[in-house]
Amino acid sequence: MEFGKHLIFSTHFFTFFLLFFAISGLFLFLTPDGFNRRLILIPLGLIICIYYIIALKNFYKNSNTMALIKGVGGIFLILLSITLYKSIVSLLALYTL
């Protein structure tokens, strides 16, 4: 039964994560060309990280320190996984040409 709770937590978080990716893409699409896009991406990244830390603290009943360590590590691993996935897809696309 514990697996179901973790599945719901993961689904909830990644829905929030993908929603923020969509919102950031919309904001980046609507910004003018000369605008510094990091002014949008950094606050959205911080919001995702803070949301993940708070969600870990509330769901798993962790201390603030443990939630912070798990949150920063988790976000790092998620972003690393996305980067590796994009690299592998790009290499496979080039290989199949």
Protein backbone atom coordinates (compact mmCIF):
# COMPACT_ATOMS: atom_id res chain seq x y z
CA MET A 1 0.00 0.00 0.00
CA GLU A 2 2.97 2.33 0.54
CA PHE A 3 3.75 2.16 -3.17
CA GLY A 4 0.43 3.83 -3.98
CA LYS A 5 1.20 6.79 -1.72
CA HIS A 6 4.60 7.32 -3.35
CA LEU A 7 3.03 7.02 -6.80
CA ILE A 8 0.46 9.69 -5.94
CA PHE A 9 3.19 11.98 -4.55
CA SER A 10 5.35 11.53 -7.66
CA THR A 11 2.43 12.08 -10.01
CA HIS A 12 1.41 15.20 -8.12
CA PHE A 13 4.92 16.66 -8.13
CA PHE A 14 5.68 15.91 -11.78
CA THR A 15 2.33 17.40 -12.80
CA PHE A 16 3.36 20.59 -11.01
CA PHE A 17 6.83 20.35 -12.59
CA LEU A 18 5.48 19.96 -16.14
CA LEU A 19 2.93 22.72 -15.59
CA PHE A 20 5.74 25.08 -14.66
CA PHE A 21 7.73 24.00 -17.71
CA ALA A 22 4.71 24.88 -19.84
CA ILE A 23 4.29 28.25 -18.11
CA SER A 24 7.98 29.08 -18.51
CA GLY A 25 7.83 28.14 -22.18
CA LEU A 26 4.84 30.45 -22.64
CA PHE A 27 6.64 33.30 -20.87
CA LEU A 28 9.78 32.74 -22.94
CA PHE A 29 7.72 32.70 -26.12
CA LEU A 30 6.07 36.01 -25.24
CA THR A 31 9.22 37.87 -24.18
CA PRO A 32 10.98 40.16 -26.66
CA ASP A 33 14.27 39.02 -28.17
CA GLY A 34 16.49 41.41 -26.22
CA PHE A 35 15.06 40.39 -22.83
CA ASN A 36 17.30 38.44 -20.45
CA ARG A 37 15.47 35.10 -20.24
CA ARG A 38 17.26 34.09 -17.04
CA LEU A 39 15.10 36.64 -15.23
CA ILE A 40 12.18 34.27 -15.88
CA LEU A 41 13.87 30.88 -15.61
CA ILE A 42 15.69 31.40 -12.29
CA PRO A 43 12.59 32.39 -10.25
CA LEU A 44 10.57 29.55 -11.78
CA GLY A 45 13.36 27.09 -10.96
CA LEU A 46 13.46 28.37 -7.39
CA ILE A 47 9.69 28.00 -7.10
CA ILE A 48 9.91 24.38 -8.26
CA CYS A 49 12.72 23.65 -5.80
CA ILE A 50 10.93 25.28 -2.87
CA TYR A 51 7.69 23.48 -3.74
CA TYR A 52 9.53 20.14 -3.84
CA ILE A 53 11.21 20.76 -0.48
CA ILE A 54 7.90 21.71 1.16
CA ALA A 55 6.17 18.71 -0.41
CA LEU A 56 8.89 16.37 0.86
CA LYS A 57 8.66 17.87 4.32
CA ASN A 58 4.89 17.53 4.49
CA PHE A 59 4.51 14.13 2.83
CA TYR A 60 7.41 12.25 4.39
CA LYS A 61 7.36 14.20 7.68
CA ASN A 62 11.06 15.05 7.38
CA SER A 63 12.90 17.68 9.36
CA ASN A 64 13.70 20.97 7.64
CA THR A 65 17.34 19.98 7.15
CA MET A 66 16.57 16.54 5.74
CA ALA A 67 13.88 17.94 3.44
CA LEU A 68 16.35 20.55 2.17
CA ILE A 69 19.05 17.94 1.49
CA LYS A 70 16.61 15.56 -0.23
CA GLY A 71 14.98 18.41 -2.13
CA VAL A 72 18.16 19.89 -3.56
CA GLY A 73 19.52 16.41 -4.33
CA GLY A 74 16.24 15.34 -5.93
CA ILE A 75 16.00 18.43 -8.13
CA PHE A 76 19.64 17.96 -9.15
CA LEU A 77 18.97 14.33 -10.13
CA ILE A 78 15.80 15.26 -12.02
CA LEU A 79 17.62 17.94 -14.02
CA LEU A 80 20.55 15.59 -14.63
CA SER A 81 18.16 12.92 -15.91
CA ILE A 82 16.48 15.41 -18.25
CA THR A 83 19.86 16.56 -19.58
CA LEU A 84 21.03 12.99 -20.16
CA TYR A 85 17.76 12.12 -21.87
CA LYS A 86 18.04 15.11 -24.22
CA SER A 87 21.64 14.18 -25.03
CA ILE A 88 20.77 10.56 -25.77
CA VAL A 89 17.82 11.54 -27.96
CA SER A 90 20.01 14.02 -29.86
CA LEU A 91 22.74 11.43 -30.40
CA LEU A 92 20.21 8.84 -31.58
CA ALA A 93 18.68 11.37 -33.97
CA LEU A 94 22.11 12.16 -35.42
CA TYR A 95 22.99 8.47 -35.62
CA THR A 96 19.87 7.61 -37.59
CA LEU A 97 20.44 10.28 -40.27
